Protein backbone atom coordinates (compact mmCIF):
# COMPACT_ATOMS: atom_id res chain seq x y z
CA UNK A 1 10.22 19.82 5.46
CA UNK A 2 13.45 18.48 4.03
CA UNK A 3 12.74 15.88 1.38
CA UNK A 4 16.39 14.81 1.57
CA UNK A 5 15.61 13.32 4.94
CA UNK A 6 12.70 11.33 3.55
CA UNK A 7 13.50 10.56 -0.10
CA UNK A 8 10.93 9.18 -2.43
CA UNK A 9 12.02 5.79 -3.68
CA UNK A 10 12.46 4.93 -7.31
CA UNK A 11 14.78 1.97 -7.50
CA UNK A 12 13.76 0.92 -10.98
CA UNK A 13 16.67 0.09 -13.30
CA UNK A 14 14.81 -0.42 -16.57
CA UNK A 15 11.63 -1.45 -18.38
CA UNK A 16 11.09 -4.60 -20.43
CA UNK A 17 8.60 -4.73 -23.29
CA UNK A 18 7.45 -8.34 -22.97
CA UNK A 19 6.24 -8.54 -26.58
CA UNK A 20 5.75 -6.30 -29.64
CA UNK A 21 2.17 -5.49 -28.56
CA UNK A 22 3.39 -4.03 -25.28
CA UNK A 23 6.07 -1.83 -26.87
CA UNK A 24 3.89 1.29 -27.25
CA UNK A 25 2.97 1.12 -23.55
CA UNK A 26 6.61 0.59 -22.58
CA UNK A 27 7.64 3.59 -24.68
CA UNK A 28 4.99 5.74 -22.94
CA UNK A 29 6.29 4.65 -19.54
CA UNK A 30 9.83 5.27 -20.67
CA UNK A 31 8.97 8.93 -21.25
CA UNK A 32 6.95 9.21 -18.03
CA UNK A 33 9.57 7.60 -15.76
CA UNK A 34 12.80 8.52 -17.57
CA UNK A 35 13.80 4.87 -17.31
CA UNK A 36 15.26 3.04 -20.34
CA UNK A 37 13.79 -0.01 -22.11
CA UNK A 38 16.17 -2.96 -22.00
CA UNK A 39 16.07 -6.72 -22.48
CA UNK A 40 15.19 -8.93 -19.50
CA UNK A 41 18.03 -9.15 -16.94
CA UNK A 42 17.14 -10.90 -13.69
CA UNK A 43 19.99 -9.22 -11.90
CA UNK A 44 18.18 -5.86 -12.23
CA UNK A 45 15.01 -4.32 -10.85
CA UNK A 46 12.81 -4.22 -13.94
CA UNK A 47 9.24 -3.38 -14.69
CA UNK A 48 7.83 -5.96 -17.10
CA UNK A 49 5.37 -4.29 -19.43
CA UNK A 50 2.60 -6.29 -21.04
CA UNK A 51 -0.18 -4.75 -23.05
CA UNK A 52 -2.65 -5.09 -20.14
CA UNK A 53 -0.47 -5.71 -17.04
CA UNK A 54 2.63 -4.48 -15.24
CA UNK A 55 4.72 -6.74 -13.05
CA UNK A 56 7.93 -6.31 -11.10
CA UNK A 57 11.00 -8.51 -11.61
CA UNK A 58 13.59 -8.26 -8.83
CA UNK A 59 16.70 -10.22 -8.00
CA UNK A 60 16.28 -13.11 -5.61
CA UNK A 61 12.44 -13.01 -5.27
CA UNK A 62 11.46 -15.57 -7.87
CA UNK A 63 8.54 -14.96 -10.18
CA UNK A 64 7.56 -11.38 -11.01
CA UNK A 65 5.16 -9.61 -8.54
CA UNK A 66 1.93 -7.97 -9.67
CA UNK A 67 -1.35 -6.88 -8.09
CA UNK A 68 -4.72 -8.36 -9.01
CA UNK A 69 -7.65 -7.31 -6.86
CA UNK A 70 -9.89 -10.03 -8.35
CA UNK A 71 -7.93 -13.06 -7.17
CA UNK A 72 -5.79 -14.60 -4.48
CA UNK A 73 -5.75 -13.11 -1.01
CA UNK A 74 -7.51 -9.95 -2.17
CA UNK A 75 -10.53 -11.96 -3.28
CA UNK A 76 -10.41 -14.29 -0.25
CA UNK A 77 -10.40 -11.43 2.23
CA UNK A 78 -13.20 -9.66 0.38
CA UNK A 79 -15.42 -12.76 0.60
CA UNK A 80 -14.36 -14.37 3.86
CA UNK A 81 -12.54 -11.68 5.91
CA UNK A 82 -15.36 -11.15 8.40
CA UNK A 83 -16.93 -7.94 7.11
CA UNK A 84 -17.33 -5.08 9.56
CA UNK A 85 -16.80 -7.48 12.44
CA UNK A 86 -13.13 -8.11 11.61
CA UNK A 87 -10.44 -6.47 13.78
CA UNK A 88 -9.29 -4.10 11.00
CA UNK A 89 -12.81 -2.73 10.56
CA UNK A 90 -13.27 -2.29 14.32
CA UNK A 91 -9.88 -0.56 14.55
CA UNK A 92 -10.82 2.17 12.03
CA UNK A 93 -14.16 2.70 13.77
CA UNK A 94 -16.56 1.20 11.25
CA UNK A 95 -20.03 0.76 12.69
CA UNK A 96 -23.66 1.02 11.69
CA UNK A 97 -24.24 4.49 10.30
CA UNK A 98 -20.53 5.48 10.13
CA UNK A 99 -18.13 4.62 7.31
CA UNK A 100 -14.95 6.64 7.80
CA UNK A 101 -12.90 8.30 5.09
CA UNK A 102 -9.34 6.92 5.29
CA UNK A 103 -5.83 7.81 4.21
CA UNK A 104 -3.60 4.72 4.05
CA UNK A 105 -0.21 6.39 4.60
CA UNK A 106 1.81 3.23 3.92
CA UNK A 107 -0.02 1.53 1.07
CA UNK A 108 2.45 -1.25 0.22
CA UNK A 109 0.59 -3.79 -1.95
CA UNK A 110 -2.77 -2.26 -0.98
CA UNK A 111 -4.15 -5.37 0.76
CA UNK A 112 -5.64 -3.53 3.77
CA UNK A 113 -6.70 -0.58 1.62
CA UNK A 114 -8.69 -2.97 -0.56
CA UNK A 115 -10.39 -4.53 2.46
CA UNK A 116 -11.30 -1.07 3.84
CA UNK A 117 -12.66 0.01 0.46
CA UNK A 118 -14.65 -3.28 0.15
CA UNK A 119 -16.37 -2.31 3.45
CA UNK A 120 -17.46 1.04 2.00
CA UNK A 121 -14.69 3.46 2.89
CA UNK A 122 -13.11 5.90 0.48
CA UNK A 123 -9.39 5.18 0.73
CA UNK A 124 -6.57 7.47 -0.37
CA UNK A 125 -3.36 5.49 -0.61
CA UNK A 126 0.11 6.98 -0.26
CA UNK A 127 3.16 5.02 -1.43
CA UNK A 128 6.76 6.25 -1.40
CA UNK A 129 7.97 3.63 -3.88
CA UNK A 130 7.19 4.75 -7.41
CA UNK A 131 7.39 1.19 -8.63
CA UNK A 132 4.80 -0.11 -6.15
CA UNK A 133 2.56 2.89 -6.78
CA UNK A 134 2.65 2.00 -10.50
CA UNK A 135 1.61 -1.60 -9.75
CA UNK A 136 -1.34 -0.32 -7.69
CA UNK A 137 -2.29 2.17 -10.39
CA UNK A 138 -2.16 -0.59 -13.00
CA UNK A 139 -4.35 -2.87 -10.86
CA UNK A 140 -6.93 -0.09 -10.38
CA UNK A 141 -7.11 0.50 -14.12
CA UNK A 142 -7.59 -3.10 -15.22
CA UNK A 143 -10.40 -3.25 -17.78
CA UNK A 144 -11.44 -6.86 -17.31
CA UNK A 145 -12.63 -6.69 -13.71
CA UNK A 146 -15.55 -8.26 -11.90
CA UNK A 147 -18.26 -5.58 -11.57
CA UNK A 148 -18.39 -6.03 -7.76
CA UNK A 149 -14.62 -5.46 -7.55
CA UNK A 150 -14.85 -2.48 -9.90
CA UNK A 151 -17.23 -0.76 -7.49
CA UNK A 152 -14.69 -1.27 -4.71
CA UNK A 153 -11.68 0.00 -6.65
CA UNK A 154 -13.56 3.17 -7.63
CA UNK A 155 -13.33 4.11 -3.95
CA UNK A 156 -9.52 3.81 -4.06
CA UNK A 157 -6.94 6.32 -5.25
CA UNK A 158 -3.15 6.10 -5.23
CA UNK A 159 -0.59 8.88 -4.85
CA UNK A 160 3.20 8.42 -5.28
CA UNK A 161 4.16 10.63 -2.40
CA UNK A 162 6.10 11.03 0.79
CA UNK A 163 3.44 10.53 3.43
CA UNK A 164 4.83 13.07 5.91
CA UNK A 165 4.89 15.82 3.29
CA UNK A 166 1.50 14.82 1.86
CA UNK A 167 -0.20 14.91 5.27
CA UNK A 168 1.49 18.18 6.18
CA UNK A 169 -0.22 19.89 3.28
CA UNK A 170 -3.43 17.87 2.86
CA UNK A 171 -6.49 19.99 2.11
CA UNK A 172 -9.22 17.61 3.18
CA UNK A 173 -8.62 15.93 6.56
CA UNK A 174 -9.69 12.25 6.70
CA UNK A 175 -11.56 10.66 9.54
CA UNK A 176 -8.82 8.06 9.91
CA UNK A 177 -5.15 7.74 9.00
CA UNK A 178 -3.94 4.16 8.77
CA UNK A 179 -0.30 3.11 9.10
CA UNK A 180 1.44 -0.22 8.62
CA UNK A 181 5.13 0.56 9.16
CA UNK A 182 7.73 -1.70 7.64
CA UNK A 183 8.42 -4.67 9.94
CA UNK A 184 9.67 -8.21 9.30
CA UNK A 185 6.68 -10.35 8.38
CA UNK A 186 5.68 -13.29 10.57
CA UNK A 187 3.53 -14.74 7.84
CA UNK A 188 5.51 -17.56 6.30
CA UNK A 189 3.51 -17.96 3.09
CA UNK A 190 5.63 -17.76 -0.03
CA UNK A 191 3.64 -14.90 -1.53
CA UNK A 192 3.86 -12.65 1.52
CA UNK A 193 7.56 -13.42 1.97
CA UNK A 194 8.13 -12.47 -1.71
CA UNK A 195 6.17 -9.23 -1.37
CA UNK A 196 7.96 -8.32 1.88
CA UNK A 197 11.33 -8.96 0.22
CA UNK A 198 10.31 -6.68 -2.60
CA UNK A 199 9.24 -3.91 -0.23
CA UNK A 200 12.42 -4.20 1.81
CA UNK A 201 14.56 -4.02 -1.31
CA UNK A 202 12.69 -1.06 -2.76
CA UNK A 203 12.03 0.99 0.36
CA UNK A 204 14.67 -0.10 2.86
CA UNK A 205 14.33 0.02 6.65
CA UNK A 206 11.68 2.10 8.36
CA UNK A 207 13.22 5.22 9.93
CA UNK A 208 10.38 7.73 9.92
CA UNK A 209 7.32 5.98 11.39
CA UNK A 210 7.56 7.91 14.66
CA UNK A 211 7.54 11.24 12.85
CA UNK A 212 4.77 10.05 10.56
CA UNK A 213 2.66 9.05 13.53
CA UNK A 214 3.14 12.47 15.15
CA UNK A 215 2.08 14.28 11.99
CA UNK A 216 -0.85 11.87 11.42
CA UNK A 217 -2.21 12.50 14.92
CA UNK A 218 -2.49 16.18 14.11
CA UNK A 219 -4.26 15.60 10.83
CA UNK A 220 -6.75 12.74 11.42
CA UNK A 221 -10.20 13.98 12.52
CA UNK A 222 -11.06 10.92 14.55
CA UNK A 223 -8.13 8.52 14.97
CA UNK A 224 -4.85 7.11 13.74
CA UNK A 225 -4.57 3.34 13.51
CA UNK A 226 -1.11 1.71 13.55
CA UNK A 227 -0.83 -1.96 12.58
CA UNK A 228 1.86 -3.84 14.49
CA UNK A 229 2.93 -7.45 14.94
CA UNK A 230 1.65 -8.88 18.18
CA UNK A 231 4.11 -8.08 20.95
CA UNK A 232 5.93 -5.31 19.03
CA UNK A 233 6.83 -2.05 20.72
CA UNK A 234 4.70 1.05 20.25
CA UNK A 235 5.83 3.28 17.39
CA UNK A 236 8.05 6.02 18.76
CA UNK A 237 7.17 4.92 22.30
CA UNK A 238 3.82 6.74 21.78
CA UNK A 239 1.30 4.92 23.97
CA UNK A 240 -2.01 4.39 22.21
CA UNK A 241 -5.46 5.16 23.57
CA UNK A 242 -6.39 1.51 23.09
CA UNK A 243 -5.41 -1.54 21.10
CA UNK A 244 -7.34 -4.26 19.25
CA UNK A 245 -5.75 -7.68 19.05
CA UNK A 246 -6.06 -10.38 16.46
CA UNK A 247 -4.15 -13.69 16.20
CA UNK A 248 -0.82 -12.31 15.03
CA UNK A 249 -1.53 -8.59 14.77
CA UNK A 250 -2.23 -5.64 17.03
CA UNK A 251 -3.93 -2.43 15.97
CA UNK A 252 -2.88 0.56 18.11
CA UNK A 253 -5.51 3.30 18.24
CA UNK A 254 -4.67 6.98 18.74
CA UNK A 255 -8.10 8.51 19.24
CA UNK A 256 -8.64 12.26 19.01
CA UNK A 257 -11.11 13.54 21.55
C-alpha cells in the first residue's frame, strides 16, 4: 500500500527543555525525533520536555496539553463510567466470561482505550500522529502512578503507525477493532475543545476512514466498532449489523459471523 496516500503525521517544529534538569531528556528526544531544541515560541508546535512529563504547546489552543491517566476525565470515567454496563463496553461485546482483545485504530488521546483497559481488555493503540503517540507513551511510563491505574496501563500499548498498513500486516488478529474517526466534537467543554483542536491541527481532516473500516472488517475476529456522533452518516456508507446509542454518541457494530 502506498504510504504517500496515508502519510504518518509528524508536525512537531521543535522541543523545549523546560529547565536544566530536563535537558538530558530533551537531548535524547532530539536524537530520536531529529527535531531541534529551541526556546519557547507559542507560534510553533513544540513539545515541552520536563524531567518527568511531556506536554504539547500549539498555537491558539491555550495551555499545553498532556495526558494523565490518574486524574480528570480519565479518573472520573474509570470510577463512575458505568463499568461493563456502559454503551462502550456493550459495543465491544464485553460480557460475563468474555473480555475481548482490542486494537484501537484511532487512539487520539487514549480516553476510550483507557476505559476499555480498565474493564479488563488488552488494548493495542495505533496513532498516526507521532506527537500524540509520544504523549501517550509518556503517560504510560509515568513512575508515580496509583497502583490500580498502573495495573490498567500495563494492558495498554501504543504504536506510532498508519492504521491501514498496521492492520494489513498484523500477525495476531484481535477480537475487536475500534475506530473513532475524526469528526467535529459536540462536547463543549474547554478541555475536549482544546484536545480536538490539537488533533485537527496535527492530523487534519479524515479522508481514509472508509478504507480503514474495510480493512478492519477483514482483520477483526469478532467485530469492528465505529464511534459516531448521534445522527452522523455511516462511515463509507457501510451499513452496520447493529448500533448502540448513548446520549450523544452512536456505536456502529460490524459483526463477523
